[in-house]
Amino acid sequence: MSFSIDTWMQEYQKAVESHFGDRIWFIGLQGSYGRGEATEQSDIDVVLILDEISAQDLQIYSNLLDVLPEREKVCGFVSGKEELLAWEPSDLFQFYYDTTPVMGSLDILLEHIQREDIRRAIRIGACNAYHMCVHNLVHEKSGDILKGLYKSAAFTLQAIAFFQTGTYVKQKTALKSQLRPEDKNILETGMELKRKDTVSNEELDDFSALLIRWASEWIRRCREDT
């Protein structure tokens, strides 16, 4: 039987409401299911925001997930409301735009996000990509790690496109048209890597060099723009 994310979310919401009731502030969906790009291998990135979170709440939440179908694919973000409202604004930018609401609204987060926070998200993303790519090329030499770095770079590219155009694009295929050629090349390389079962040593070297050059450019550009 084929998997339906809508049916799963209905079952999930029913289970969560039965345990937490009116303590629930927000339920949402992130990741490939939230973007409409899911495959059979995709994780279910579900967001749950309660009035507050305790260790006991987390244990209850974990237990209720254990009895839902596709448990091994379930991940996501859990938080108390006040912690989320006080979160690092450069993270809130991506969180807000990449989350599809199922119950409640995140619109209040927009009050906490300024244009400079988006620039900071770009800078942090570029710095992380640069550091981890250098580390991987010298030490782990892992194709899987490189794939993960290109996946993370796609979020930075979304921030770049939003910073430049004022439009947030969730789908990668649509994002291409919003990017400069050098940024588009990173996105397309990441999509190519995702389709590969293995990464050869030559590809590891070439794709790592490409990502390092791209990240280096954005690190320096963000510094010059401040």
N, C-alpha and C. Protein backbone atom coordinates (compact mmCIF):
# COMPACT_ATOMS: atom_id res chain seq x y z
N MET A 1 0.85 -1.19 0.00
CA MET A 1 0.00 0.00 0.00
C MET A 1 0.89 1.24 0.00
N SER A 2 0.56 2.21 -0.84
CA SER A 2 1.37 3.41 -0.96
C SER A 2 1.20 4.29 0.28
N PHE A 3 2.25 5.04 0.58
CA PHE A 3 2.26 5.90 1.76
C PHE A 3 1.64 7.25 1.43
N SER A 4 0.77 7.75 2.29
CA SER A 4 0.16 9.07 2.14
C SER A 4 0.57 9.93 3.32
N ILE A 5 1.28 11.03 3.04
CA ILE A 5 1.70 11.91 4.13
C ILE A 5 0.50 12.60 4.77
N ASP A 6 -0.54 12.86 4.00
CA ASP A 6 -1.74 13.49 4.57
C ASP A 6 -2.41 12.56 5.58
N THR A 7 -2.52 11.29 5.24
CA THR A 7 -3.11 10.32 6.16
C THR A 7 -2.24 10.16 7.40
N TRP A 8 -0.93 10.11 7.19
CA TRP A 8 -0.01 9.97 8.34
C TRP A 8 -0.11 11.17 9.26
N MET A 9 -0.17 12.37 8.69
CA MET A 9 -0.25 13.58 9.51
C MET A 9 -1.55 13.64 10.30
N GLN A 10 -2.63 13.15 9.72
CA GLN A 10 -3.90 13.10 10.45
C GLN A 10 -3.80 12.18 11.66
N GLU A 11 -3.15 11.03 11.45
CA GLU A 11 -2.96 10.09 12.56
C GLU A 11 -2.02 10.67 13.60
N TYR A 12 -0.98 11.33 13.14
CA TYR A 12 -0.02 11.97 14.05
C TYR A 12 -0.71 13.05 14.88
N GLN A 13 -1.46 13.92 14.22
CA GLN A 13 -2.12 15.02 14.92
C GLN A 13 -3.10 14.49 15.96
N LYS A 14 -3.83 13.44 15.60
CA LYS A 14 -4.78 12.85 16.55
C LYS A 14 -4.06 12.33 17.78
N ALA A 15 -2.92 11.66 17.57
CA ALA A 15 -2.16 11.11 18.69
C ALA A 15 -1.59 12.21 19.58
N VAL A 16 -1.04 13.25 18.96
CA VAL A 16 -0.45 14.35 19.73
C VAL A 16 -1.53 15.10 20.52
N GLU A 17 -2.66 15.35 19.88
CA GLU A 17 -3.74 16.07 20.57
C GLU A 17 -4.30 15.26 21.74
N SER A 18 -4.32 13.94 21.61
CA SER A 18 -4.85 13.12 22.70
C SER A 18 -3.95 13.18 23.93
N HIS A 19 -2.66 13.47 23.74
CA HIS A 19 -1.73 13.52 24.87
C HIS A 19 -1.49 14.94 25.39
N PHE A 20 -1.47 15.93 24.49
CA PHE A 20 -1.08 17.28 24.90
C PHE A 20 -2.22 18.30 24.81
N GLY A 21 -3.29 17.97 24.12
CA GLY A 21 -4.48 18.82 24.11
C GLY A 21 -4.21 20.26 23.77
N ASP A 22 -4.74 21.18 24.62
CA ASP A 22 -4.62 22.61 24.33
C ASP A 22 -3.24 23.18 24.65
N ARG A 23 -2.30 22.32 25.04
CA ARG A 23 -0.91 22.77 25.21
C ARG A 23 -0.21 22.94 23.86
N ILE A 24 -0.79 22.41 22.80
CA ILE A 24 -0.18 22.49 21.47
C ILE A 24 -0.34 23.90 20.91
N TRP A 25 0.76 24.51 20.53
CA TRP A 25 0.75 25.83 19.91
C TRP A 25 0.85 25.74 18.39
N PHE A 26 1.60 24.75 17.92
CA PHE A 26 1.82 24.65 16.47
C PHE A 26 2.23 23.23 16.09
N ILE A 27 1.74 22.79 14.93
CA ILE A 27 2.19 21.56 14.29
C ILE A 27 2.49 21.90 12.84
N GLY A 28 3.61 21.41 12.32
CA GLY A 28 3.98 21.68 10.93
C GLY A 28 4.82 20.57 10.34
N LEU A 29 5.14 20.76 9.08
CA LEU A 29 5.90 19.76 8.32
C LEU A 29 7.03 20.47 7.58
N GLN A 30 8.23 19.92 7.71
CA GLN A 30 9.40 20.47 7.03
C GLN A 30 9.97 19.43 6.06
N GLY A 31 11.12 19.76 5.48
CA GLY A 31 11.83 18.81 4.64
C GLY A 31 11.14 18.55 3.31
N SER A 32 11.46 17.41 2.73
CA SER A 32 10.99 17.10 1.38
C SER A 32 9.48 16.93 1.32
N TYR A 33 8.86 16.41 2.39
CA TYR A 33 7.40 16.31 2.38
C TYR A 33 6.76 17.70 2.44
N GLY A 34 7.35 18.60 3.21
CA GLY A 34 6.84 19.95 3.27
C GLY A 34 7.00 20.69 1.95
N ARG A 35 8.05 20.35 1.19
CA ARG A 35 8.30 20.99 -0.10
C ARG A 35 7.58 20.31 -1.25
N GLY A 36 7.01 19.13 -1.00
CA GLY A 36 6.39 18.39 -2.09
C GLY A 36 7.39 17.69 -2.98
N GLU A 37 8.57 17.34 -2.43
CA GLU A 37 9.63 16.71 -3.21
C GLU A 37 10.01 15.34 -2.65
N ALA A 38 9.14 14.74 -1.85
CA ALA A 38 9.49 13.51 -1.13
C ALA A 38 9.59 12.30 -2.06
N THR A 39 10.46 11.39 -1.67
CA THR A 39 10.59 10.08 -2.31
C THR A 39 10.30 9.02 -1.26
N GLU A 40 10.37 7.76 -1.64
CA GLU A 40 10.12 6.67 -0.70
C GLU A 40 11.14 6.66 0.44
N GLN A 41 12.31 7.22 0.19
CA GLN A 41 13.37 7.22 1.21
C GLN A 41 13.33 8.45 2.11
N SER A 42 12.44 9.39 1.86
CA SER A 42 12.44 10.66 2.59
C SER A 42 12.05 10.49 4.05
N ASP A 43 12.69 11.29 4.90
CA ASP A 43 12.30 11.36 6.30
C ASP A 43 11.00 12.15 6.44
N ILE A 44 10.33 11.96 7.56
CA ILE A 44 9.14 12.74 7.88
C ILE A 44 9.55 13.77 8.93
N ASP A 45 9.80 14.99 8.49
CA ASP A 45 10.29 16.06 9.37
C ASP A 45 9.10 16.84 9.93
N VAL A 46 8.65 16.43 11.10
CA VAL A 46 7.46 17.04 11.68
C VAL A 46 7.86 17.99 12.81
N VAL A 47 7.14 19.10 12.92
CA VAL A 47 7.42 20.13 13.91
C VAL A 47 6.31 20.15 14.95
N LEU A 48 6.69 20.14 16.22
CA LEU A 48 5.72 20.25 17.31
C LEU A 48 6.19 21.33 18.29
N ILE A 49 5.36 22.35 18.49
CA ILE A 49 5.66 23.40 19.46
C ILE A 49 4.58 23.37 20.53
N LEU A 50 4.98 23.14 21.79
CA LEU A 50 4.07 23.15 22.92
C LEU A 50 4.22 24.44 23.71
N ASP A 51 3.36 24.63 24.69
CA ASP A 51 3.46 25.81 25.54
C ASP A 51 4.81 25.84 26.25
N GLU A 52 5.28 24.67 26.65
CA GLU A 52 6.61 24.49 27.23
C GLU A 52 6.97 23.01 27.11
N ILE A 53 8.24 22.71 27.28
CA ILE A 53 8.73 21.34 27.09
C ILE A 53 9.49 20.89 28.33
N SER A 54 9.16 19.69 28.80
CA SER A 54 9.92 19.06 29.89
C SER A 54 10.46 17.73 29.39
N ALA A 55 11.38 17.15 30.15
CA ALA A 55 11.90 15.83 29.79
C ALA A 55 10.79 14.79 29.77
N GLN A 56 9.83 14.94 30.67
CA GLN A 56 8.70 14.01 30.70
C GLN A 56 7.85 14.15 29.43
N ASP A 57 7.65 15.38 28.99
CA ASP A 57 6.91 15.61 27.73
C ASP A 57 7.61 14.90 26.57
N LEU A 58 8.91 15.00 26.53
CA LEU A 58 9.67 14.40 25.43
C LEU A 58 9.57 12.88 25.46
N GLN A 59 9.55 12.29 26.65
CA GLN A 59 9.40 10.85 26.76
C GLN A 59 8.02 10.42 26.29
N ILE A 60 7.00 11.17 26.68
CA ILE A 60 5.64 10.88 26.21
C ILE A 60 5.57 10.98 24.70
N TYR A 61 6.18 12.03 24.16
CA TYR A 61 6.17 12.25 22.71
C TYR A 61 6.88 11.11 21.98
N SER A 62 8.02 10.70 22.50
CA SER A 62 8.76 9.59 21.90
C SER A 62 7.92 8.31 21.91
N ASN A 63 7.25 8.06 23.00
CA ASN A 63 6.43 6.85 23.11
C ASN A 63 5.27 6.85 22.13
N LEU A 64 4.64 8.01 21.94
CA LEU A 64 3.51 8.03 21.01
C LEU A 64 3.98 7.88 19.56
N LEU A 65 5.18 8.38 19.27
CA LEU A 65 5.73 8.18 17.93
C LEU A 65 6.03 6.70 17.67
N ASP A 66 6.40 5.98 18.72
CA ASP A 66 6.78 4.57 18.58
C ASP A 66 5.64 3.71 18.06
N VAL A 67 4.41 4.13 18.25
CA VAL A 67 3.28 3.31 17.82
C VAL A 67 2.69 3.80 16.48
N LEU A 68 3.28 4.84 15.92
CA LEU A 68 2.83 5.31 14.61
C LEU A 68 3.56 4.57 13.50
N PRO A 69 2.95 4.43 12.32
CA PRO A 69 3.64 3.80 11.19
C PRO A 69 4.83 4.65 10.74
N GLU A 70 5.77 4.01 10.07
CA GLU A 70 6.96 4.68 9.52
C GLU A 70 7.81 5.34 10.62
N ARG A 71 7.81 4.74 11.81
CA ARG A 71 8.53 5.35 12.93
C ARG A 71 9.99 5.61 12.61
N GLU A 72 10.61 4.71 11.86
CA GLU A 72 12.04 4.84 11.59
C GLU A 72 12.36 6.05 10.73
N LYS A 73 11.36 6.63 10.08
CA LYS A 73 11.58 7.79 9.21
C LYS A 73 11.25 9.11 9.89
N VAL A 74 10.70 9.05 11.11
CA VAL A 74 10.22 10.26 11.75
C VAL A 74 11.37 11.00 12.45
N CYS A 75 11.47 12.29 12.17
CA CYS A 75 12.42 13.15 12.86
C CYS A 75 11.76 14.52 13.00
N GLY A 76 12.51 15.56 13.22
CA GLY A 76 11.92 16.88 13.25
C GLY A 76 12.28 17.69 14.48
N PHE A 77 11.56 18.77 14.68
CA PHE A 77 11.88 19.79 15.68
C PHE A 77 10.78 19.84 16.73
N VAL A 78 11.19 19.84 18.01
CA VAL A 78 10.26 19.95 19.13
C VAL A 78 10.77 21.06 20.04
N SER A 79 9.87 21.94 20.49
CA SER A 79 10.30 23.05 21.32
C SER A 79 9.14 23.59 22.13
N GLY A 80 9.49 24.36 23.16
CA GLY A 80 8.52 25.19 23.85
C GLY A 80 8.34 26.49 23.09
N LYS A 81 7.19 27.12 23.23
CA LYS A 81 6.88 28.36 22.49
C LYS A 81 7.86 29.47 22.82
N GLU A 82 8.11 29.72 24.10
CA GLU A 82 8.96 30.85 24.48
C GLU A 82 10.40 30.66 24.01
N GLU A 83 10.87 29.42 24.02
CA GLU A 83 12.23 29.16 23.52
C GLU A 83 12.31 29.48 22.03
N LEU A 84 11.28 29.09 21.29
CA LEU A 84 11.28 29.37 19.85
C LEU A 84 11.25 30.87 19.58
N LEU A 85 10.45 31.60 20.33
CA LEU A 85 10.37 33.05 20.12
C LEU A 85 11.68 33.76 20.46
N ALA A 86 12.50 33.13 21.30
CA ALA A 86 13.79 33.72 21.69
C ALA A 86 14.95 33.12 20.91
N TRP A 87 14.66 32.34 19.89
CA TRP A 87 15.68 31.61 19.13
C TRP A 87 16.56 32.57 18.33
N GLU A 88 17.74 32.09 17.93
CA GLU A 88 18.64 32.84 17.06
C GLU A 88 17.88 33.25 15.78
N PRO A 89 17.76 34.56 15.49
CA PRO A 89 16.93 35.01 14.36
C PRO A 89 17.37 34.47 13.00
N SER A 90 18.67 34.26 12.80
CA SER A 90 19.13 33.75 11.50
C SER A 90 18.65 32.32 11.28
N ASP A 91 18.40 31.58 12.36
CA ASP A 91 17.81 30.24 12.25
C ASP A 91 16.29 30.34 12.04
N LEU A 92 15.67 31.33 12.70
CA LEU A 92 14.22 31.49 12.58
C LEU A 92 13.80 31.79 11.15
N PHE A 93 14.64 32.50 10.41
CA PHE A 93 14.33 32.80 9.02
C PHE A 93 14.06 31.53 8.23
N GLN A 94 15.02 30.60 8.27
CA GLN A 94 14.87 29.36 7.53
C GLN A 94 13.72 28.52 8.11
N PHE A 95 13.61 28.51 9.41
CA PHE A 95 12.58 27.73 10.08
C PHE A 95 11.19 28.17 9.63
N TYR A 96 10.98 29.48 9.59
CA TYR A 96 9.65 29.99 9.22
C TYR A 96 9.31 29.62 7.77
N TYR A 97 10.20 29.91 6.85
CA TYR A 97 9.88 29.74 5.44
C TYR A 97 9.90 28.29 4.98
N ASP A 98 10.59 27.43 5.71
CA ASP A 98 10.68 26.03 5.28
C ASP A 98 9.66 25.14 6.00
N THR A 99 8.78 25.74 6.80
CA THR A 99 7.79 24.96 7.55
C THR A 99 6.40 25.17 6.96
N THR A 100 5.75 24.06 6.63
CA THR A 100 4.37 24.10 6.15
C THR A 100 3.43 23.91 7.34
N PRO A 101 2.60 24.90 7.66
CA PRO A 101 1.71 24.77 8.82
C PRO A 101 0.67 23.67 8.62
N VAL A 102 0.41 22.92 9.67
CA VAL A 102 -0.67 21.94 9.70
C VAL A 102 -1.72 22.38 10.72
N MET A 103 -1.24 22.92 11.83
CA MET A 103 -2.12 23.44 12.88
C MET A 103 -1.45 24.64 13.51
N GLY A 104 -2.12 25.78 13.54
CA GLY A 104 -1.54 26.98 14.10
C GLY A 104 -0.78 27.79 13.06
N SER A 105 -0.08 28.83 13.50
CA SER A 105 0.65 29.73 12.62
C SER A 105 1.97 30.14 13.24
N LEU A 106 2.97 30.37 12.39
CA LEU A 106 4.28 30.86 12.82
C LEU A 106 4.48 32.33 12.47
N ASP A 107 3.43 33.02 12.05
CA ASP A 107 3.58 34.38 11.56
C ASP A 107 4.19 35.33 12.59
N ILE A 108 4.01 35.04 13.87
CA ILE A 108 4.59 35.89 14.90
C ILE A 108 6.12 35.93 14.82
N LEU A 109 6.72 34.89 14.22
CA LEU A 109 8.18 34.86 14.10
C LEU A 109 8.71 35.97 13.20
N LEU A 110 7.89 36.44 12.25
CA LEU A 110 8.34 37.49 11.34
C LEU A 110 8.72 38.76 12.08
N GLU A 111 8.14 38.97 13.26
CA GLU A 111 8.48 40.14 14.06
C GLU A 111 9.92 40.08 14.56
N HIS A 112 10.49 38.89 14.57
CA HIS A 112 11.83 38.69 15.13
C HIS A 112 12.90 38.57 14.04
N ILE A 113 12.53 38.69 12.77
CA ILE A 113 13.47 38.46 11.67
C ILE A 113 13.68 39.75 10.89
N GLN A 114 14.94 40.21 10.83
CA GLN A 114 15.30 41.40 10.07
C GLN A 114 16.16 41.00 8.87
N ARG A 115 16.34 41.94 7.95
CA ARG A 115 17.14 41.65 6.75
C ARG A 115 18.56 41.23 7.12
N GLU A 116 19.11 41.84 8.15
CA GLU A 116 20.47 41.48 8.57
C GLU A 116 20.55 40.04 9.05
N ASP A 117 19.46 39.52 9.59
CA ASP A 117 19.43 38.13 10.04
C ASP A 117 19.55 37.17 8.85
N ILE A 118 19.00 37.56 7.72
CA ILE A 118 19.10 36.73 6.52
C ILE A 118 20.54 36.72 6.02
N ARG A 119 21.18 37.88 6.03
CA ARG A 119 22.59 37.94 5.66
C ARG A 119 23.43 37.07 6.60
N ARG A 120 23.10 37.11 7.88
CA ARG A 120 23.83 36.29 8.85
C ARG A 120 23.62 34.81 8.57
N ALA A 121 22.40 34.42 8.16
CA ALA A 121 22.14 33.03 7.81
C ALA A 121 23.00 32.60 6.64
N ILE A 122 23.18 33.48 5.66
CA ILE A 122 24.03 33.18 4.51
C ILE A 122 25.48 33.00 4.96
N ARG A 123 25.94 33.92 5.79
CA ARG A 123 27.34 33.89 6.24
C ARG A 123 27.63 32.64 7.05
N ILE A 124 26.73 32.31 7.98
CA ILE A 124 26.92 31.11 8.79
C ILE A 124 26.89 29.86 7.92
N GLY A 125 25.96 29.81 6.97
CA GLY A 125 25.88 28.65 6.07
C GLY A 125 27.14 28.48 5.25
N ALA A 126 27.67 29.59 4.74
CA ALA A 126 28.89 29.52 3.93
C ALA A 126 30.09 29.11 4.79
N CYS A 127 30.18 29.66 5.99
CA CYS A 127 31.29 29.31 6.89
C CYS A 127 31.25 27.83 7.25
N ASN A 128 30.06 27.32 7.56
CA ASN A 128 29.93 25.91 7.92
C ASN A 128 30.29 25.01 6.74
N ALA A 129 29.83 25.37 5.54
CA ALA A 129 30.14 24.57 4.36
C ALA A 129 31.65 24.55 4.11
N TYR A 130 32.28 25.70 4.23
CA TYR A 130 33.73 25.81 4.01
C TYR A 130 34.50 24.94 5.01
N HIS A 131 34.19 25.14 6.29
CA HIS A 131 34.91 24.42 7.34
C HIS A 131 34.74 22.91 7.21
N MET A 132 33.49 22.44 7.07
CA MET A 132 33.24 21.01 7.03
C MET A 132 33.75 20.37 5.75
N CYS A 133 33.72 21.10 4.64
CA CYS A 133 34.23 20.55 3.39
C CYS A 133 35.75 20.39 3.44
N VAL A 134 36.43 21.39 3.99
CA VAL A 134 37.88 21.28 4.17
C VAL A 134 38.22 20.11 5.08
N HIS A 135 37.50 20.01 6.20
CA HIS A 135 37.74 18.94 7.15
C HIS A 135 37.53 17.57 6.50
N ASN A 136 36.46 17.44 5.74
CA ASN A 136 36.16 16.16 5.10
C ASN A 136 37.21 15.79 4.06
N LEU A 137 37.65 16.76 3.29
CA LEU A 137 38.63 16.48 2.24
C LEU A 137 39.97 16.06 2.82
N VAL A 138 40.32 16.59 3.99
CA VAL A 138 41.60 16.26 4.62
C VAL A 138 41.51 14.98 5.44
N HIS A 139 40.40 14.76 6.13
CA HIS A 139 40.33 13.68 7.10
C HIS A 139 39.40 12.54 6.68
N GLU A 140 38.10 12.73 6.71
CA GLU A 140 37.18 11.62 6.46
C GLU A 140 37.17 11.14 5.02
N LYS A 141 37.28 12.09 4.07
CA LYS A 141 37.24 11.76 2.64
C LYS A 141 35.97 10.96 2.30
N SER A 142 34.84 11.44 2.81
CA SER A 142 33.58 10.71 2.71
C SER A 142 32.66 11.34 1.66
N GLY A 143 32.20 10.50 0.73
CA GLY A 143 31.23 10.95 -0.25
C GLY A 143 29.90 11.26 0.39
N ASP A 144 29.51 10.50 1.40
CA ASP A 144 28.24 10.75 2.08
C ASP A 144 28.25 12.09 2.81
N ILE A 145 29.38 12.41 3.44
CA ILE A 145 29.48 13.71 4.10
C ILE A 145 29.38 14.83 3.07
N LEU A 146 30.04 14.66 1.94
CA LEU A 146 29.98 15.67 0.88
C LEU A 146 28.54 15.87 0.39
N LYS A 147 27.81 14.77 0.23
CA LYS A 147 26.41 14.88 -0.16
C LYS A 147 25.64 15.71 0.86
N GLY A 148 25.88 15.45 2.14
CA GLY A 148 25.21 16.19 3.19
C GLY A 148 25.55 17.67 3.16
N LEU A 149 26.79 18.00 2.82
CA LEU A 149 27.21 19.40 2.75
C LEU A 149 26.52 20.12 1.60
N TYR A 150 26.37 19.44 0.49
CA TYR A 150 25.64 20.05 -0.63
C TYR A 150 24.16 20.20 -0.31
N LYS A 151 23.62 19.26 0.43
CA LYS A 151 22.22 19.37 0.86
C LYS A 151 22.05 20.60 1.76
N SER A 152 22.98 20.81 2.68
CA SER A 152 22.92 21.99 3.55
C SER A 152 23.12 23.28 2.76
N ALA A 153 23.98 23.21 1.74
CA ALA A 153 24.23 24.39 0.91
C ALA A 153 22.95 24.86 0.21
N ALA A 154 22.04 23.92 -0.08
CA ALA A 154 20.79 24.29 -0.74
C ALA A 154 19.98 25.25 0.13
N PHE A 155 20.03 25.07 1.45
CA PHE A 155 19.33 25.99 2.35
C PHE A 155 19.97 27.38 2.31
N THR A 156 21.30 27.41 2.23
CA THR A 156 21.99 28.69 2.11
C THR A 156 21.62 29.37 0.80
N LEU A 157 21.48 28.59 -0.25
CA LEU A 157 21.08 29.14 -1.55
C LEU A 157 19.67 29.72 -1.50
N GLN A 158 18.79 29.10 -0.73
CA GLN A 158 17.45 29.65 -0.56
C GLN A 158 17.52 31.01 0.13
N ALA A 159 18.40 31.13 1.12
CA ALA A 159 18.57 32.40 1.82
C ALA A 159 19.16 33.45 0.88
N ILE A 160 20.11 33.04 0.05
CA ILE A 160 20.73 33.96 -0.91
C ILE A 160 19.67 34.48 -1.88
N ALA A 161 18.87 33.59 -2.42
CA ALA A 161 17.83 34.00 -3.37
C ALA A 161 16.83 34.93 -2.71
N PHE A 162 16.46 34.65 -1.47
CA PHE A 162 15.51 35.51 -0.75
C PHE A 162 16.13 36.88 -0.49
N PHE A 163 17.39 36.90 -0.10
CA PHE A 163 18.08 38.15 0.18
C PHE A 163 18.15 39.03 -1.07
N GLN A 164 18.31 38.40 -2.22
CA GLN A 164 18.49 39.13 -3.47
C GLN A 164 17.17 39.50 -4.14
N THR A 165 16.14 38.68 -3.95
CA THR A 165 14.89 38.87 -4.69
C THR A 165 13.68 39.16 -3.82
N GLY A 166 13.77 38.83 -2.52
CA GLY A 166 12.62 38.99 -1.65
C GLY A 166 11.61 37.86 -1.76
N THR A 167 11.95 36.82 -2.52
CA THR A 167 11.06 35.68 -2.72
C THR A 167 11.72 34.41 -2.17
N TYR A 168 10.99 33.68 -1.32
CA TYR A 168 11.51 32.42 -0.80
C TYR A 168 10.94 31.28 -1.64
N VAL A 169 11.83 30.47 -2.21
CA VAL A 169 11.43 29.37 -3.09
C VAL A 169 11.79 28.06 -2.40
N LYS A 170 10.80 27.22 -2.14
CA LYS A 170 11.05 25.95 -1.46
C LYS A 170 11.59 24.89 -2.41
N GLN A 171 10.99 24.76 -3.59
CA GLN A 171 11.36 23.68 -4.51
C GLN A 171 12.67 23.99 -5.23
N LYS A 172 13.55 23.01 -5.26
CA LYS A 172 14.86 23.21 -5.87
C LYS A 172 14.77 23.51 -7.35
N THR A 173 13.86 22.83 -8.04
CA THR A 173 13.73 23.05 -9.49
C THR A 173 13.34 24.49 -9.79
N ALA A 174 12.47 25.06 -8.97
CA ALA A 174 12.06 26.45 -9.15
C ALA A 174 13.14 27.42 -8.68
N LEU A 175 13.95 27.01 -7.72
CA LEU A 175 15.00 27.87 -7.17
C LEU A 175 16.06 28.21 -8.21
N LYS A 176 16.29 27.32 -9.14
CA LYS A 176 17.34 27.53 -10.15
C LYS A 176 17.23 28.88 -10.84
N SER A 177 16.02 29.25 -11.19
CA SER A 177 15.81 30.48 -11.96
C SER A 177 16.08 31.74 -11.14
N GLN A 178 16.20 31.61 -9.82
CA GLN A 178 16.42 32.75 -8.95
C GLN A 178 17.90 32.98 -8.62
N LEU A 179 18.77 32.12 -9.15
CA LEU A 179 20.17 32.14 -8.73
C LEU A 179 21.11 32.60 -9.84
N ARG A 180 22.22 33.18 -9.43
CA ARG A 180 23.31 33.47 -10.35
C ARG A 180 23.89 32.15 -10.87
N PRO A 181 24.57 32.16 -12.03
CA PRO A 181 25.11 30.91 -12.59
C PRO A 181 25.98 30.13 -11.62
N GLU A 182 26.85 30.81 -10.87
CA GLU A 182 27.75 30.11 -9.95
C GLU A 182 27.00 29.49 -8.78
N ASP A 183 25.93 30.14 -8.35
CA ASP A 183 25.10 29.58 -7.28
C ASP A 183 24.24 28.43 -7.82
N LYS A 184 23.71 28.62 -9.00
CA LYS A 184 22.92 27.57 -9.65
C LYS A 184 23.75 26.31 -9.84
N ASN A 185 25.03 26.47 -10.14
CA ASN A 185 25.92 25.33 -10.34
C ASN A 185 26.03 24.49 -9.07
N ILE A 186 26.07 25.15 -7.91
CA ILE A 186 26.14 24.43 -6.64
C ILE A 186 24.86 23.64 -6.42
N LEU A 187 23.73 24.25 -6.69
CA LEU A 187 22.45 23.57 -6.52
C LEU A 187 22.36 22.35 -7.43
N GLU A 188 22.73 22.51 -8.68
CA GLU A 188 22.63 21.41 -9.64
C GLU A 188 23.62 20.31 -9.31
N THR A 189 24.81 20.67 -8.82
CA THR A 189 25.79 19.66 -8.40
C THR A 189 25.25 18.85 -7.24
N GLY A 190 24.62 19.53 -6.28
CA GLY A 190 24.02 18.81 -5.16
C GLY A 190 22.93 17.86 -5.60
N MET A 191 22.13 18.26 -6.57
CA MET A 191 21.06 17.39 -7.08
C MET A 191 21.66 16.19 -7.81
N GLU A 192 22.78 16.43 -8.51
CA GLU A 192 23.47 15.33 -9.19
C GLU A 192 24.05 14.35 -8.18
N LEU A 193 24.66 14.86 -7.12
CA LEU A 193 25.24 14.00 -6.09
C LEU A 193 24.16 13.15 -5.41
N LYS A 194 22.99 13.72 -5.20
CA LYS A 194 21.91 13.00 -4.54
C LYS A 194 21.51 11.76 -5.32
N ARG A 195 21.62 11.83 -6.64
CA ARG A 195 21.22 10.70 -7.49
C ARG A 195 22.28 9.60 -7.53
N LYS A 196 23.48 9.89 -7.06
CA LYS A 196 24.57 8.93 -7.12
C LYS A 196 24.56 7.99 -5.91
N ASP A 197 24.75 6.71 -6.16
CA ASP A 197 24.88 5.75 -5.06
C ASP A 197 26.24 5.88 -4.38
N THR A 198 27.27 6.12 -5.18
CA THR A 198 28.62 6.27 -4.64
C THR A 198 29.29 7.48 -5.29
N VAL A 199 30.30 8.00 -4.61
CA VAL A 199 31.07 9.13 -5.12
C VAL A 199 32.51 8.67 -5.29
N SER A 200 33.03 8.78 -6.51
CA SER A 200 34.40 8.35 -6.78
C SER A 200 35.39 9.32 -6.13
N ASN A 201 36.63 8.90 -6.04
CA ASN A 201 37.66 9.77 -5.46
C ASN A 201 37.84 11.04 -6.28
N GLU A 202 37.77 10.89 -7.59
CA GLU A 202 37.90 12.06 -8.46
C GLU A 202 36.74 13.04 -8.25
N GLU A 203 35.54 12.49 -8.14
CA GLU A 203 34.37 13.35 -7.89
C GLU A 203 34.45 14.01 -6.52
N LEU A 204 34.95 13.26 -5.55
CA LEU A 204 35.11 13.83 -4.21
C LEU A 204 36.02 15.05 -4.26
N ASP A 205 37.13 14.92 -4.96
CA ASP A 205 38.08 16.04 -5.06
C ASP A 205 37.48 17.21 -5.83
N ASP A 206 36.87 16.92 -6.98
CA ASP A 206 36.35 17.99 -7.84
C ASP A 206 35.17 18.72 -7.19
N PHE A 207 34.22 17.95 -6.65
CA PHE A 207 33.04 18.57 -6.07
C PHE A 207 33.36 19.29 -4.76
N SER A 208 34.36 18.78 -4.03
CA SER A 208 34.80 19.47 -2.82
C SER A 208 35.44 20.80 -3.16
N ALA A 209 36.29 20.80 -4.19
CA ALA A 209 36.95 22.04 -4.61
C ALA A 209 35.92 23.07 -5.04
N LEU A 210 34.90 22.63 -5.75
CA LEU A 210 33.84 23.53 -6.20
C LEU A 210 33.11 24.16 -5.01
N LEU A 211 32.77 23.34 -4.03
CA LEU A 211 32.03 23.84 -2.87
C LEU A 211 32.88 24.78 -2.03
N ILE A 212 34.16 24.46 -1.89
CA ILE A 212 35.06 25.32 -1.12
C ILE A 212 35.20 26.69 -1.79
N ARG A 213 35.35 26.73 -3.11
CA ARG A 213 35.46 28.01 -3.82
C ARG A 213 34.19 28.84 -3.65
N TRP A 214 33.05 28.16 -3.78
CA TRP A 214 31.77 28.87 -3.65
C TRP A 214 31.58 29.43 -2.24
N ALA A 215 31.86 28.61 -1.24
CA ALA A 215 31.71 29.06 0.15
C ALA A 215 32.67 30.20 0.47
N SER A 216 33.90 30.09 -0.03
CA SER A 216 34.90 31.13 0.20
C SER A 216 34.43 32.46 -0.37
N GLU A 217 33.85 32.43 -1.55
CA GLU A 217 33.37 33.67 -2.17
C GLU A 217 32.27 34.32 -1.32
N TRP A 218 31.35 33.51 -0.81
CA TRP A 218 30.26 34.08 -0.03
C TRP A 218 30.71 34.54 1.35
N ILE A 219 31.68 33.88 1.93
CA ILE A 219 32.22 34.34 3.20
C ILE A 219 32.81 35.74 3.04
N ARG A 220 33.60 35.91 1.98
CA ARG A 220 34.24 37.21 1.74
C ARG A 220 33.22 38.27 1.32
N ARG A 221 32.22 37.86 0.54
CA ARG A 221 31.21 38.81 0.10
C ARG A 221 30.39 39.33 1.29
N CYS A 222 30.03 38.45 2.20
CA CYS A 222 29.26 38.87 3.37
C CYS A 222 30.07 39.83 4.23
N ARG A 223 31.38 39.62 4.33
CA ARG A 223 32.22 40.52 5.11
C ARG A 223 32.28 41.90 4.44
N GLU A 224 32.43 41.92 3.12
CA GLU A 224 32.55 43.18 2.39
C GLU A 224 31.25 43.97 2.41
N ASP A 225 30.12 43.28 2.53
CA ASP A 225 28.82 43.96 2.49
C ASP A 225 28.42 44.55 3.83
N THR A 226 29.15 44.16 4.91
CA THR A 226 28.76 44.66 6.23
C THR A 226 29.33 46.04 6.50
